Structures are given as C-alpha cells and as structure tokens.
Amino acid sequence: MNKTSKIYVAGHRGMVGAAIVRQLLQSGVRSECLVLKTHAGLDLTNQSAVQALFASERPTQVYLAAAKVGGIHANNTYPADFIYQNLMIQANVIDAAFQNGVQRLLFLGSRDTLKNPDIQ
C-alpha cells in the first residue's frame, strides 16, 4: 500500500470505520491522506454529491463501512427505510469508485432483512 495515496473511509465515525482509521494510522498512513466526511458534510444517498467527492479527492482506495443503523426498535419499525438508505449508499459509493478509477474497494456489508407478514 502506498502510504501517501488518498484513502476514503466512508463511515469513519462508526465502530468498524473508526477501527479501520486507527489501523491505517498505526500502519503509517498519514492523516492528511485520509478522506473523512461526516453525514453532515456528505450525504452518501445523494449520487451527485458522492460523484463530486470522488472527482475532487481522487481516492485510490475506499473502505465502505457507512450505513444507516439503529437499534432493535428502529430496525423493526422502519425496515424498508433502512434497506433503501443502505442500498443507495452502497450503490452511490461503489459506482463513484468505479467511475473514478479507484484501485481497491472494501465493502463491509450487513444483512438487512425486511419481513413481510403476508409472506410465509
């Protein structure tokens, strides 16, 4: 790994994303090489905003650990919203990475479920 290349960590404030950032820094990656955006700074469900970030920052590596998450109650109350938001995040980041020539992408997915009571 080139320790001066730009690396985008989507979801860097979550448990997994924060661990990735710590590991990258411990391995010698300089902090100024990390591209870190909060949800307030970048809405990953907004395709044009994600494309703009990739076009301007030109990361060579991406760690996709971002997702809409909630507790058991939120997951049970809004399952379709969680799946929709997470699919949009994943699609936008993966597409922007491809469109902008990212060399490596690590996608840390989760298993979202949507139970329809009409389906057995």
N, C-alpha and C. Protein backbone atom coordinates (compact mmCIF):
# COMPACT_ATOMS: atom_id res chain seq x y z
N MET A 1 0.84 -1.17 0.00
CA MET A 1 0.00 0.00 0.00
C MET A 1 0.89 1.24 0.00
N ASN A 2 0.58 2.17 -0.87
CA ASN A 2 1.28 3.45 -0.92
C ASN A 2 0.74 4.32 0.22
N LYS A 3 1.60 4.69 1.14
CA LYS A 3 1.14 5.40 2.34
C LYS A 3 0.88 6.88 2.10
N THR A 4 1.04 7.34 0.86
CA THR A 4 0.73 8.74 0.55
C THR A 4 -0.49 8.86 -0.38
N SER A 5 -1.08 7.73 -0.78
CA SER A 5 -2.27 7.76 -1.62
C SER A 5 -3.48 8.19 -0.79
N LYS A 6 -4.46 8.77 -1.46
CA LYS A 6 -5.69 9.16 -0.77
C LYS A 6 -6.54 7.93 -0.51
N ILE A 7 -7.06 7.85 0.69
CA ILE A 7 -7.90 6.74 1.11
C ILE A 7 -9.18 7.32 1.69
N TYR A 8 -10.31 6.90 1.13
CA TYR A 8 -11.61 7.36 1.62
C TYR A 8 -12.21 6.29 2.52
N VAL A 9 -12.53 6.66 3.75
CA VAL A 9 -13.19 5.75 4.68
C VAL A 9 -14.60 6.29 4.90
N ALA A 10 -15.56 5.64 4.27
CA ALA A 10 -16.97 6.02 4.44
C ALA A 10 -17.48 5.36 5.71
N GLY A 11 -17.99 6.16 6.62
CA GLY A 11 -18.46 5.63 7.89
C GLY A 11 -17.37 5.62 8.95
N HIS A 12 -16.47 6.58 8.88
CA HIS A 12 -15.30 6.60 9.77
C HIS A 12 -15.65 6.87 11.23
N ARG A 13 -16.87 7.31 11.52
CA ARG A 13 -17.24 7.57 12.91
C ARG A 13 -17.96 6.40 13.56
N GLY A 14 -18.26 5.38 12.79
CA GLY A 14 -18.87 4.17 13.33
C GLY A 14 -17.83 3.26 13.95
N MET A 15 -18.29 2.19 14.56
CA MET A 15 -17.38 1.27 15.25
C MET A 15 -16.36 0.66 14.29
N VAL A 16 -16.81 0.14 13.17
CA VAL A 16 -15.90 -0.52 12.22
C VAL A 16 -15.05 0.51 11.49
N GLY A 17 -15.67 1.58 11.00
CA GLY A 17 -14.92 2.61 10.29
C GLY A 17 -13.84 3.24 11.14
N ALA A 18 -14.14 3.50 12.41
CA ALA A 18 -13.15 4.09 13.32
C ALA A 18 -11.98 3.13 13.54
N ALA A 19 -12.28 1.84 13.61
CA ALA A 19 -11.22 0.84 13.76
C ALA A 19 -10.34 0.80 12.51
N ILE A 20 -10.95 0.95 11.35
CA ILE A 20 -10.17 0.98 10.10
C ILE A 20 -9.24 2.18 10.10
N VAL A 21 -9.76 3.34 10.48
CA VAL A 21 -8.93 4.56 10.52
C VAL A 21 -7.77 4.37 11.49
N ARG A 22 -8.04 3.84 12.68
CA ARG A 22 -6.96 3.61 13.65
C ARG A 22 -5.89 2.68 13.07
N GLN A 23 -6.32 1.61 12.42
CA GLN A 23 -5.38 0.65 11.85
C GLN A 23 -4.56 1.29 10.72
N LEU A 24 -5.20 2.08 9.89
CA LEU A 24 -4.47 2.76 8.81
C LEU A 24 -3.41 3.69 9.38
N LEU A 25 -3.78 4.46 10.40
CA LEU A 25 -2.82 5.39 11.01
C LEU A 25 -1.68 4.63 11.68
N GLN A 26 -2.01 3.54 12.36
CA GLN A 26 -0.97 2.74 13.01
C GLN A 26 -0.03 2.09 12.00
N SER A 27 -0.53 1.85 10.79
CA SER A 27 0.31 1.22 9.77
C SER A 27 1.17 2.24 9.03
N GLY A 28 1.03 3.52 9.39
CA GLY A 28 1.90 4.54 8.80
C GLY A 28 1.25 5.46 7.79
N VAL A 29 -0.04 5.27 7.52
CA VAL A 29 -0.73 6.18 6.60
C VAL A 29 -0.83 7.54 7.27
N ARG A 30 -0.47 8.59 6.56
CA ARG A 30 -0.53 9.94 7.11
C ARG A 30 -1.98 10.41 7.17
N SER A 31 -2.33 11.13 8.23
CA SER A 31 -3.71 11.56 8.43
C SER A 31 -4.20 12.44 7.28
N GLU A 32 -3.31 13.22 6.68
CA GLU A 32 -3.74 14.09 5.58
C GLU A 32 -4.07 13.30 4.31
N CYS A 33 -3.74 12.02 4.28
CA CYS A 33 -4.08 11.16 3.14
C CYS A 33 -5.48 10.55 3.29
N LEU A 34 -6.05 10.67 4.48
CA LEU A 34 -7.37 10.10 4.71
C LEU A 34 -8.45 11.11 4.34
N VAL A 35 -9.44 10.63 3.60
CA VAL A 35 -10.61 11.43 3.26
C VAL A 35 -11.72 10.95 4.19
N LEU A 36 -12.14 11.84 5.08
CA LEU A 36 -13.14 11.51 6.10
C LEU A 36 -14.24 12.56 6.06
N LYS A 37 -15.45 12.15 5.77
CA LYS A 37 -16.59 13.06 5.70
C LYS A 37 -17.70 12.55 6.61
N THR A 38 -18.24 13.44 7.41
CA THR A 38 -19.38 13.08 8.26
C THR A 38 -20.65 13.12 7.41
N HIS A 39 -21.72 12.61 7.97
CA HIS A 39 -23.01 12.66 7.26
C HIS A 39 -23.42 14.11 7.00
N ALA A 40 -23.12 15.00 7.93
CA ALA A 40 -23.45 16.42 7.75
C ALA A 40 -22.64 17.02 6.59
N GLY A 41 -21.44 16.50 6.35
CA GLY A 41 -20.59 17.01 5.29
C GLY A 41 -20.82 16.36 3.94
N LEU A 42 -21.43 15.18 3.93
CA LEU A 42 -21.67 14.46 2.69
C LEU A 42 -22.80 13.46 2.89
N ASP A 43 -23.86 13.65 2.13
CA ASP A 43 -24.99 12.71 2.14
C ASP A 43 -24.71 11.62 1.12
N LEU A 44 -24.37 10.44 1.58
CA LEU A 44 -24.00 9.36 0.68
C LEU A 44 -25.17 8.83 -0.13
N THR A 45 -26.39 9.22 0.20
CA THR A 45 -27.53 8.83 -0.62
C THR A 45 -27.72 9.78 -1.80
N ASN A 46 -26.94 10.85 -1.85
CA ASN A 46 -27.01 11.84 -2.93
C ASN A 46 -25.94 11.50 -3.96
N GLN A 47 -26.38 10.94 -5.08
CA GLN A 47 -25.44 10.45 -6.09
C GLN A 47 -24.50 11.54 -6.61
N SER A 48 -25.03 12.72 -6.91
CA SER A 48 -24.17 13.77 -7.47
C SER A 48 -23.15 14.26 -6.44
N ALA A 49 -23.53 14.30 -5.17
CA ALA A 49 -22.58 14.71 -4.13
C ALA A 49 -21.46 13.69 -3.98
N VAL A 50 -21.81 12.42 -4.05
CA VAL A 50 -20.79 11.36 -3.94
C VAL A 50 -19.85 11.42 -5.14
N GLN A 51 -20.42 11.58 -6.33
CA GLN A 51 -19.59 11.68 -7.54
C GLN A 51 -18.64 12.88 -7.44
N ALA A 52 -19.15 14.00 -6.93
CA ALA A 52 -18.32 15.21 -6.80
C ALA A 52 -17.17 14.97 -5.83
N LEU A 53 -17.43 14.29 -4.72
CA LEU A 53 -16.36 13.99 -3.77
C LEU A 53 -15.26 13.15 -4.43
N PHE A 54 -15.66 12.11 -5.14
CA PHE A 54 -14.67 11.24 -5.77
C PHE A 54 -13.89 11.97 -6.86
N ALA A 55 -14.58 12.82 -7.62
CA ALA A 55 -13.92 13.57 -8.68
C ALA A 55 -12.90 14.57 -8.11
N SER A 56 -13.23 15.17 -6.97
CA SER A 56 -12.32 16.17 -6.41
C SER A 56 -11.20 15.54 -5.58
N GLU A 57 -11.48 14.51 -4.81
CA GLU A 57 -10.49 13.90 -3.93
C GLU A 57 -9.64 12.84 -4.62
N ARG A 58 -10.19 12.15 -5.60
CA ARG A 58 -9.50 11.10 -6.36
C ARG A 58 -8.84 10.04 -5.46
N PRO A 59 -9.63 9.40 -4.57
CA PRO A 59 -9.03 8.36 -3.73
C PRO A 59 -8.63 7.16 -4.58
N THR A 60 -7.58 6.46 -4.14
CA THR A 60 -7.18 5.24 -4.82
C THR A 60 -7.71 4.00 -4.09
N GLN A 61 -8.08 4.20 -2.82
CA GLN A 61 -8.66 3.11 -2.03
C GLN A 61 -9.91 3.63 -1.32
N VAL A 62 -10.88 2.74 -1.15
CA VAL A 62 -12.11 3.09 -0.45
C VAL A 62 -12.47 1.96 0.50
N TYR A 63 -12.81 2.34 1.72
CA TYR A 63 -13.35 1.41 2.71
C TYR A 63 -14.79 1.84 2.94
N LEU A 64 -15.73 1.01 2.56
CA LEU A 64 -17.15 1.35 2.67
C LEU A 64 -17.74 0.67 3.90
N ALA A 65 -17.77 1.44 5.00
CA ALA A 65 -18.32 0.95 6.27
C ALA A 65 -19.50 1.80 6.71
N ALA A 66 -20.01 2.63 5.81
CA ALA A 66 -21.11 3.54 6.14
C ALA A 66 -22.45 2.83 5.95
N ALA A 67 -23.38 3.15 6.84
CA ALA A 67 -24.72 2.59 6.75
C ALA A 67 -25.65 3.34 7.69
N LYS A 68 -26.92 3.30 7.35
CA LYS A 68 -27.93 3.78 8.28
C LYS A 68 -28.16 2.65 9.27
N VAL A 69 -28.00 2.96 10.55
CA VAL A 69 -28.15 1.94 11.57
C VAL A 69 -29.08 2.44 12.67
N GLY A 70 -29.59 1.52 13.42
CA GLY A 70 -30.46 1.87 14.54
C GLY A 70 -30.55 0.70 15.49
N GLY A 71 -31.28 0.90 16.52
CA GLY A 71 -31.48 -0.18 17.48
C GLY A 71 -32.55 -1.14 17.01
N ILE A 72 -32.86 -2.09 17.84
CA ILE A 72 -33.85 -3.11 17.50
C ILE A 72 -35.20 -2.46 17.18
N HIS A 73 -35.61 -1.51 17.98
CA HIS A 73 -36.92 -0.87 17.75
C HIS A 73 -36.94 -0.13 16.40
N ALA A 74 -35.91 0.64 16.13
CA ALA A 74 -35.85 1.38 14.85
C ALA A 74 -35.82 0.41 13.67
N ASN A 75 -35.04 -0.64 13.78
CA ASN A 75 -34.96 -1.62 12.70
C ASN A 75 -36.30 -2.30 12.46
N ASN A 76 -37.02 -2.59 13.52
CA ASN A 76 -38.33 -3.24 13.37
C ASN A 76 -39.40 -2.27 12.90
N THR A 77 -39.26 -1.00 13.24
CA THR A 77 -40.27 0.00 12.88
C THR A 77 -40.10 0.49 11.44
N TYR A 78 -38.87 0.65 10.99
CA TYR A 78 -38.59 1.23 9.66
C TYR A 78 -37.69 0.33 8.81
N PRO A 79 -38.02 -0.95 8.66
CA PRO A 79 -37.10 -1.84 7.94
C PRO A 79 -36.90 -1.45 6.48
N ALA A 80 -37.95 -1.04 5.80
CA ALA A 80 -37.82 -0.69 4.37
C ALA A 80 -36.96 0.56 4.20
N ASP A 81 -37.08 1.51 5.11
CA ASP A 81 -36.28 2.72 5.03
C ASP A 81 -34.79 2.40 5.22
N PHE A 82 -34.49 1.52 6.16
CA PHE A 82 -33.11 1.14 6.40
C PHE A 82 -32.52 0.46 5.16
N ILE A 83 -33.26 -0.46 4.57
CA ILE A 83 -32.77 -1.15 3.38
C ILE A 83 -32.58 -0.16 2.24
N TYR A 84 -33.54 0.69 2.01
CA TYR A 84 -33.46 1.67 0.93
C TYR A 84 -32.24 2.58 1.11
N GLN A 85 -32.10 3.17 2.28
CA GLN A 85 -30.98 4.08 2.53
C GLN A 85 -29.64 3.37 2.34
N ASN A 86 -29.52 2.17 2.84
CA ASN A 86 -28.26 1.44 2.74
C ASN A 86 -27.97 1.03 1.30
N LEU A 87 -28.98 0.65 0.55
CA LEU A 87 -28.77 0.33 -0.87
C LEU A 87 -28.31 1.57 -1.64
N MET A 88 -28.88 2.72 -1.34
CA MET A 88 -28.48 3.95 -2.02
C MET A 88 -27.02 4.30 -1.70
N ILE A 89 -26.66 4.19 -0.43
CA ILE A 89 -25.27 4.46 -0.02
C ILE A 89 -24.32 3.53 -0.76
N GLN A 90 -24.62 2.25 -0.73
CA GLN A 90 -23.75 1.26 -1.36
C GLN A 90 -23.64 1.51 -2.86
N ALA A 91 -24.75 1.70 -3.53
CA ALA A 91 -24.74 1.90 -4.98
C ALA A 91 -23.97 3.15 -5.36
N ASN A 92 -24.20 4.24 -4.64
CA ASN A 92 -23.53 5.50 -4.98
C ASN A 92 -22.02 5.43 -4.78
N VAL A 93 -21.58 4.86 -3.68
CA VAL A 93 -20.14 4.78 -3.40
C VAL A 93 -19.46 3.81 -4.36
N ILE A 94 -20.05 2.65 -4.58
CA ILE A 94 -19.44 1.66 -5.47
C ILE A 94 -19.38 2.20 -6.90
N ASP A 95 -20.45 2.84 -7.37
CA ASP A 95 -20.46 3.41 -8.71
C ASP A 95 -19.43 4.53 -8.85
N ALA A 96 -19.37 5.42 -7.89
CA ALA A 96 -18.40 6.52 -7.95
C ALA A 96 -16.97 5.99 -7.92
N ALA A 97 -16.74 4.94 -7.13
CA ALA A 97 -15.40 4.34 -7.09
C ALA A 97 -15.04 3.78 -8.47
N PHE A 98 -15.97 3.09 -9.09
CA PHE A 98 -15.72 2.54 -10.42
C PHE A 98 -15.51 3.65 -11.45
N GLN A 99 -16.38 4.64 -11.44
CA GLN A 99 -16.31 5.73 -12.42
C GLN A 99 -15.02 6.54 -12.29
N ASN A 100 -14.44 6.56 -11.11
CA ASN A 100 -13.25 7.39 -10.87
C ASN A 100 -11.96 6.58 -10.73
N GLY A 101 -12.00 5.34 -11.14
CA GLY A 101 -10.77 4.54 -11.21
C GLY A 101 -10.15 4.14 -9.89
N VAL A 102 -10.97 3.97 -8.87
CA VAL A 102 -10.45 3.52 -7.57
C VAL A 102 -9.82 2.14 -7.76
N GLN A 103 -8.63 1.96 -7.21
CA GLN A 103 -7.90 0.70 -7.40
C GLN A 103 -8.40 -0.41 -6.49
N ARG A 104 -8.80 -0.05 -5.26
CA ARG A 104 -9.25 -1.07 -4.31
C ARG A 104 -10.45 -0.54 -3.52
N LEU A 105 -11.44 -1.40 -3.39
CA LEU A 105 -12.63 -1.06 -2.61
C LEU A 105 -12.94 -2.23 -1.70
N LEU A 106 -13.09 -1.94 -0.41
CA LEU A 106 -13.50 -2.96 0.54
C LEU A 106 -14.88 -2.57 1.02
N PHE A 107 -15.87 -3.41 0.73
CA PHE A 107 -17.25 -3.15 1.12
C PHE A 107 -17.61 -4.07 2.28
N LEU A 108 -17.91 -3.46 3.41
CA LEU A 108 -18.27 -4.20 4.61
C LEU A 108 -19.78 -4.15 4.75
N GLY A 109 -20.46 -5.10 4.17
CA GLY A 109 -21.92 -5.10 4.15
C GLY A 109 -22.50 -5.74 5.38
N SER A 110 -23.79 -5.56 5.49
CA SER A 110 -24.52 -6.19 6.58
C SER A 110 -25.72 -6.90 5.98
N ARG A 111 -26.38 -7.65 6.79
CA ARG A 111 -27.56 -8.36 6.34
C ARG A 111 -28.79 -7.61 6.82
N ASP A 112 -29.38 -6.86 5.91
CA ASP A 112 -30.64 -6.20 6.22
C ASP A 112 -31.77 -7.15 5.88
N THR A 113 -32.80 -7.13 6.70
CA THR A 113 -33.93 -8.00 6.41
C THR A 113 -35.22 -7.20 6.45
N LEU A 114 -36.13 -7.60 5.63
CA LEU A 114 -37.44 -6.97 5.58
C LEU A 114 -38.46 -8.10 5.63
N LYS A 115 -39.17 -8.19 6.73
CA LYS A 115 -40.16 -9.25 6.87
C LYS A 115 -41.52 -8.72 6.45
N ASN A 116 -42.12 -9.42 5.53
CA ASN A 116 -43.47 -9.10 5.11
C ASN A 116 -44.40 -10.10 5.75
N PRO A 117 -45.32 -9.65 6.59
CA PRO A 117 -46.17 -10.60 7.30
C PRO A 117 -47.08 -11.40 6.37
N ASP A 118 -47.24 -10.95 5.12
CA ASP A 118 -48.09 -11.67 4.17
C ASP A 118 -47.36 -12.81 3.49
N ILE A 119 -46.03 -12.88 3.66
CA ILE A 119 -45.23 -13.94 3.06
C ILE A 119 -44.78 -14.89 4.14
N GLN A 120 -45.04 -16.15 3.94
CA GLN A 120 -44.66 -17.17 4.93
C GLN A 120 -43.30 -17.74 4.64
